[in-house]
Protein backbone atom coordinates (compact mmCIF):
# COMPACT_ATOMS: atom_id res chain seq x y z
CA MET A 1 92.73 97.27 107.03
CA LYS A 2 94.18 100.51 108.40
CA ARG A 3 93.22 100.09 112.05
CA THR A 4 95.50 97.10 112.48
CA ARG A 5 99.24 97.22 113.04
CA THR A 6 101.36 96.51 109.97
CA THR A 7 103.10 93.13 109.74
CA THR A 8 104.54 91.62 106.56
CA ILE A 9 102.75 88.47 105.39
CA VAL A 10 102.37 86.35 102.31
CA ALA A 11 99.14 84.34 102.04
CA CYS A 12 98.53 80.98 100.45
CA ALA A 13 96.71 80.35 97.13
CA ALA A 14 93.14 79.18 96.70
CA ALA A 15 91.55 78.12 93.42
CA SER A 16 92.74 80.49 90.69
CA LEU A 17 93.03 83.56 92.96
CA ALA A 18 96.39 85.10 93.75
CA LEU A 19 96.17 84.69 97.52
CA THR A 20 99.44 86.37 98.34
CA GLY A 21 100.27 89.81 99.74
CA LEU A 22 100.78 92.04 102.70
CA LEU A 23 98.22 92.17 105.53
CA ALA A 24 98.00 94.65 108.41
CA GLY A 25 98.08 93.20 111.83
CA CYS A 26 98.04 89.59 110.48
CA SER A 27 100.81 87.27 109.37
CA VAL A 28 100.73 83.98 107.45
CA GLY A 29 103.20 81.49 106.15
CA PRO A 30 105.43 82.36 103.10
CA VAL A 31 104.99 81.27 99.51
CA ASN A 32 106.40 82.75 96.33
CA LEU A 33 104.24 85.72 95.40
CA ASP A 34 105.30 85.65 91.75
CA ASP A 35 103.91 82.10 91.34
CA PHE A 36 100.39 83.56 91.75
CA PHE A 37 100.54 86.65 89.51
CA GLY A 38 99.18 86.18 86.01
CA THR A 39 95.42 86.26 86.60
CA PRO A 40 93.98 88.48 83.80
CA SER A 41 93.68 92.01 85.19
CA VAL A 42 91.13 94.75 84.68
CA ALA A 43 93.90 96.71 82.95
CA GLU A 44 94.33 93.96 80.37
CA ALA A 45 90.62 93.43 79.92
CA ARG A 46 89.97 97.12 79.16
CA GLU A 47 92.74 97.49 76.54
CA ALA A 48 90.33 96.45 73.79
CA ARG A 49 87.98 99.27 74.78
CA ARG A 50 90.60 101.92 75.15
CA SER A 51 89.98 103.50 71.72
CA THR A 52 86.27 103.91 72.50
CA LEU A 53 86.80 105.89 75.74
CA SER A 54 85.65 109.50 75.86
CA PRO A 55 86.80 111.65 78.83
CA VAL A 56 84.02 113.09 81.02
CA VAL A 57 86.45 115.50 82.75
CA THR A 58 88.69 118.18 81.26
CA SER A 59 92.45 117.91 81.23
CA ASP A 60 92.61 120.84 83.70
CA ALA A 61 91.03 118.58 86.34
CA LEU A 62 93.81 116.00 86.03
CA ARG A 63 97.52 115.76 86.83
CA GLN A 64 98.09 114.37 83.33
CA ALA A 65 95.75 114.58 80.36
CA ASP A 66 93.74 111.39 79.67
CA THR A 67 95.29 109.80 82.78
CA LEU A 68 93.98 109.05 86.24
CA THR A 69 96.84 109.34 88.76
CA VAL A 70 95.93 107.14 91.71
CA GLY A 71 97.47 107.35 95.18
CA ILE A 72 97.93 104.07 97.05
CA PRO A 73 98.64 104.65 100.79
CA THR A 74 101.74 102.91 102.16
CA SER A 75 99.47 101.37 104.80
CA GLU A 76 97.25 99.61 102.21
CA THR A 77 97.43 95.84 102.40
CA ALA A 78 96.08 92.62 100.87
CA PRO A 79 93.61 92.06 99.41
CA LEU A 80 93.32 95.80 98.69
CA VAL A 81 96.87 95.87 97.29
CA LEU A 82 99.39 93.09 96.56
CA THR A 83 102.79 93.77 95.13
CA SER A 84 105.05 91.24 93.42
CA SER A 85 108.85 91.24 93.71
CA SER A 86 108.98 92.94 90.32
CA GLY A 87 106.72 95.71 91.57
CA GLU A 88 103.57 94.62 89.78
CA ARG A 89 100.40 95.54 91.69
CA ALA A 90 97.06 93.73 91.98
CA GLY A 91 94.10 93.76 94.36
CA ILE A 92 90.77 95.44 94.97
CA ASP A 93 92.19 98.94 94.87
CA ILE A 94 93.92 98.27 91.60
CA ASP A 95 90.90 96.76 89.89
CA LEU A 96 88.61 99.54 91.17
CA ALA A 97 91.07 102.20 90.04
CA TYR A 98 90.98 100.86 86.49
CA ALA A 99 87.19 100.61 86.59
CA LEU A 100 87.05 104.21 87.88
CA ALA A 101 89.27 105.42 85.03
CA ASP A 102 87.04 103.55 82.60
CA GLU A 103 83.91 105.30 83.88
CA LEU A 104 85.73 108.61 83.65
CA GLY A 105 86.66 107.84 80.03
CA LEU A 106 90.39 107.98 80.71
CA GLY A 107 92.79 105.81 78.73
CA SER A 108 95.60 105.49 81.26
CA VAL A 109 96.11 104.85 84.97
CA VAL A 110 99.25 105.73 86.91
CA PHE A 111 99.81 104.55 90.46
CA VAL A 112 101.84 106.43 93.04
CA THR A 113 102.63 105.50 96.63
CA VAL A 114 101.52 108.14 99.14
CA ASP A 115 101.99 108.75 102.87
CA ASP A 116 99.15 111.18 103.56
CA VAL A 117 95.97 112.21 101.80
CA SER A 118 96.21 115.99 101.76
CA THR A 119 99.78 116.14 100.47
CA ALA A 120 99.04 113.52 97.84
CA LEU A 121 96.01 115.30 96.49
CA SER A 122 97.71 118.70 96.43
CA GLU A 123 101.00 117.53 94.92
CA SER A 124 100.99 114.14 93.20
CA CYS A 125 97.66 112.46 92.40
CA ASP A 126 94.02 112.91 91.43
CA VAL A 127 92.49 110.44 93.89
CA VAL A 128 93.62 108.33 96.86
CA MET A 129 92.27 104.83 97.37
CA GLY A 130 91.31 103.22 100.70
CA VAL A 131 90.50 106.28 102.83
CA GLU A 132 88.18 106.53 105.81
CA SER A 133 86.41 109.87 106.45
CA SER A 134 88.24 110.22 109.78
CA SER A 135 91.61 110.28 107.99
CA ALA A 136 90.53 112.22 104.90
CA GLU A 137 92.36 115.38 106.09
CA GLY A 138 89.84 117.76 104.60
CA ALA A 139 89.26 115.88 101.36
CA THR A 140 85.96 114.39 100.31
CA VAL A 141 85.65 110.60 100.52
CA ALA A 142 83.48 109.30 97.69
CA GLY A 143 81.84 105.91 97.66
CA SER A 144 82.25 103.03 100.05
CA TYR A 145 83.73 100.13 98.16
CA VAL A 146 85.02 98.28 101.22
CA GLN A 147 84.48 98.50 104.97
CA SER A 148 86.89 98.27 107.88
CA ALA A 149 85.64 95.90 110.57
CA THR A 150 86.57 92.95 112.80
CA VAL A 151 84.78 89.79 111.61
CA LEU A 152 84.03 86.31 112.87
CA PHE A 153 84.55 83.35 110.53
CA THR A 154 83.36 79.84 111.33
CA LYS A 155 82.53 76.44 109.80
CA GLY A 156 79.10 74.93 109.21
CA ASP A 157 75.65 76.08 108.30
CA VAL A 158 75.07 79.38 110.06
CA THR A 159 72.87 82.37 109.34
CA ALA A 160 74.82 85.62 109.64
CA PRO A 161 74.85 87.60 111.73
CA ILE A 162 74.84 85.13 114.59
CA ASP A 163 73.61 86.07 118.08
CA ALA A 164 76.15 86.72 120.81
CA SER A 165 74.72 83.74 122.78
CA ALA A 166 76.36 81.46 120.23
CA LEU A 167 79.76 82.62 121.49
CA ALA A 168 79.16 81.57 125.11
CA GLY A 169 81.60 78.77 125.88
CA ALA A 170 83.10 78.91 122.35
CA THR A 171 86.79 79.16 121.54
CA VAL A 172 87.79 82.05 119.29
CA GLY A 173 91.12 82.01 117.45
CA VAL A 174 92.89 85.39 117.20
CA GLN A 175 96.36 86.52 116.34
CA GLY A 176 98.14 87.36 119.54
CA GLY A 177 98.66 91.08 120.13
CA SER A 178 96.37 92.06 117.24
CA VAL A 179 93.64 94.70 117.23
CA SER A 180 91.12 91.87 116.84
CA GLU A 181 92.21 90.40 120.17
CA GLY A 182 91.52 93.77 121.79
CA VAL A 183 88.09 94.00 120.12
CA LEU A 184 87.16 90.56 121.51
CA ASN A 185 87.96 91.85 125.02
CA ASP A 186 85.66 94.80 124.46
CA TYR A 187 82.58 92.57 124.72
CA GLU A 188 81.18 90.14 127.28
CA THR A 189 80.84 87.12 125.00
CA GLY A 190 81.64 84.26 127.34
CA ALA A 191 84.09 83.05 124.70
CA THR A 192 87.68 81.93 125.34
CA ALA A 193 90.44 83.43 123.21
CA SER A 194 93.01 81.09 121.73
CA THR A 195 96.00 83.07 120.39
CA PHE A 196 98.12 82.22 117.35
CA SER A 197 101.27 83.75 115.87
CA ASN A 198 99.59 84.16 112.45
CA LEU A 199 96.26 83.84 110.71
CA ASN A 200 97.22 80.67 108.84
CA GLU A 201 97.52 78.94 112.17
CA ALA A 202 94.18 80.29 113.32
CA PHE A 203 92.38 79.15 110.17
CA ASP A 204 94.19 75.82 110.36
CA ALA A 205 92.82 75.37 113.88
CA LEU A 206 89.32 76.24 112.63
CA GLU A 207 89.73 73.66 109.84
CA GLU A 208 90.81 71.06 112.42
CA GLY A 209 87.95 71.93 114.78
CA THR A 210 90.18 73.02 117.69
CA VAL A 211 88.63 76.50 117.67
CA ASP A 212 85.03 77.42 116.90
CA TYR A 213 85.65 80.82 115.32
CA VAL A 214 88.39 83.00 113.93
CA LEU A 215 88.22 86.72 114.63
CA CYS A 216 90.27 89.02 112.39
CA ASP A 217 90.22 91.95 109.99
CA ALA A 218 87.28 91.52 107.63
CA TYR A 219 88.96 91.65 104.24
CA ALA A 220 92.22 90.04 105.27
CA GLY A 221 90.24 87.18 106.77
CA ALA A 222 87.86 86.79 103.80
CA TYR A 223 90.78 86.84 101.41
CA LEU A 224 92.56 84.11 103.34
CA ALA A 225 89.37 82.10 104.07
CA THR A 226 88.97 81.32 100.40
CA ALA A 227 91.83 78.85 100.88
CA TYR A 228 89.72 76.99 103.45
CA PRO A 229 86.56 75.60 101.76
CA GLY A 230 83.47 75.65 103.98
CA THR A 231 84.62 78.65 106.00
CA VAL A 232 81.77 81.13 106.32
CA PHE A 233 81.16 84.68 107.51
CA ALA A 234 79.39 84.81 110.89
CA GLY A 235 79.12 88.54 111.60
CA THR A 236 81.03 91.66 112.53
CA LEU A 237 81.94 92.29 116.11
CA ASP A 238 82.46 96.05 115.94
CA GLU A 239 80.72 98.73 113.86
CA PRO A 240 81.95 98.65 110.25
CA VAL A 241 83.59 101.87 108.97
CA PRO A 242 83.12 102.81 105.28
CA VAL A 243 86.29 103.08 103.17
CA GLY A 244 86.20 105.00 99.89
CA VAL A 245 88.14 107.15 97.43
CA ALA A 246 89.51 110.55 98.57
CA VAL A 247 89.28 113.34 96.02
CA GLY A 248 89.78 117.11 96.21
CA GLU A 249 87.32 119.83 95.37
CA GLY A 250 86.30 120.85 91.87
CA GLU A 251 85.18 119.17 88.66
CA LEU A 252 86.78 115.84 89.42
CA GLN A 253 84.93 115.43 92.74
CA SER A 254 81.46 115.12 91.24
CA ALA A 255 82.77 113.06 88.35
CA VAL A 256 84.43 110.53 90.71
CA GLN A 257 81.27 110.23 92.81
CA GLY A 258 79.17 109.60 89.73
CA ALA A 259 81.65 107.08 88.37
CA LEU A 260 81.76 105.13 91.65
CA ASP A 261 77.95 105.11 91.79
CA ALA A 262 77.92 103.64 88.25
CA ILE A 263 80.53 101.00 89.24
CA GLN A 264 78.46 99.89 92.21
CA THR A 265 75.02 99.93 90.56
CA GLY A 266 76.33 98.32 87.38
CA GLY A 267 77.72 95.33 89.29
CA VAL A 268 81.39 95.93 88.54
CA GLY A 269 82.08 96.54 92.24
CA ASP A 270 80.53 93.20 93.16
CA ILE A 271 82.62 91.41 90.54
CA VAL A 272 85.82 92.92 91.90
CA ARG A 273 84.92 92.11 95.50
CA SER A 274 84.02 88.48 94.70
CA ARG A 275 87.28 88.04 92.86
CA TRP A 276 89.28 88.83 96.01
CA VAL A 277 87.03 88.04 98.98
CA GLY A 278 84.52 85.52 97.72
CA SER A 279 81.07 85.85 99.21
CA LEU A 280 81.90 88.36 101.96
CA PRO A 281 78.86 90.67 102.08
CA SER A 282 78.99 94.48 102.23
CA LEU A 283 79.41 95.15 105.92
CA SER A 284 77.09 97.49 107.88
CA SER A 285 75.29 97.72 111.22
CA GLU A 286 72.98 94.99 109.84
CA THR A 287 75.86 92.49 109.75
CA ARG A 288 76.89 92.94 113.39
CA VAL A 289 76.52 90.08 115.85
CA THR A 290 73.25 90.64 117.66
CA GLY A 291 72.87 90.83 121.42
CA LEU A 292 76.39 92.10 122.09
CA VAL A 293 77.09 93.55 125.51
CA GLU A 294 80.08 95.80 126.01
CA ALA A 295 82.48 94.74 128.72
CA SER A 296 83.14 97.05 131.64
CA ALA A 297 86.51 98.75 131.70
CA ASP A 298 87.60 96.49 134.55
CA GLN A 299 86.49 93.35 132.75
CA ALA A 300 88.16 94.34 129.50
CA ALA A 301 91.40 95.02 131.36
CA ALA A 302 91.16 91.68 133.16
CA ASP A 303 90.56 89.83 129.89
CA GLY A 304 93.56 91.55 128.36
CA ALA A 305 95.76 90.58 131.30
CA GLN A 306 94.55 87.00 131.08
CA ASP A 307 95.30 86.82 127.36
CA ALA A 308 98.78 88.23 127.98
CA SER A 309 99.58 85.69 130.65
CA ALA A 310 98.33 82.89 128.42
CA GLU A 311 100.85 83.79 125.70
């Protein structure tokens, strides 16, 4: 998600999902992205319904009549957005954008790449996907279709969220130098960090039993974990931050909010999520690991220094 540093990755495939893309702060081994495009998209599925759509917003509220122009931030990464070598896009943001247009009764969707929310909404698009309230730059953020958080994954039969006591003496795999590594140091868990150059290696180690947990970005990890059967969600370490759709003021704002509510209550949002991240639940304060104790500033600094020397 956005809070991690950007590193190019290409993920491996699992079942029929296209497990390939760009993750932020995580890197995995290369495969050919184009080999995994071809899963029927929401865009294709809604073509048959296109003639039945009836706009619920006026043309004056849109950049183009009968078209939803959707901004995709350059920082957006898999599984929110994946891009093939030919420029074809897929991912949670793409599926949700088509579903949003469908609820708004709009026949076409156009995607544009954007650098910042305020400029995009004022100059080039109707909505911007994948925005946290803290970076909305004065715009309204509607809905909460994903959440930004650092998550523990493990093997075995566990009830999430686990208690922090389960981490005492455990080995936690993290990508070296990642935000997740820093988050681990923010708490007194009694766990030992084992660093890896990419998430594939960390999940491989979990598969082999040489680490007890993998700690990483929630959606990047859940997306990749589908390639490792038996890998389960154990809880979030930090407080999840809602991520929604930024929209400007006016007629479109209330229409987008209503459309997103319909997408969530109607089950479309759950279908999209499960397609890309399996059984990862909606993240909230209720999914945080219980019994966490924040590390003192001195302890966090010491843990960071120890991790650095271990690399």
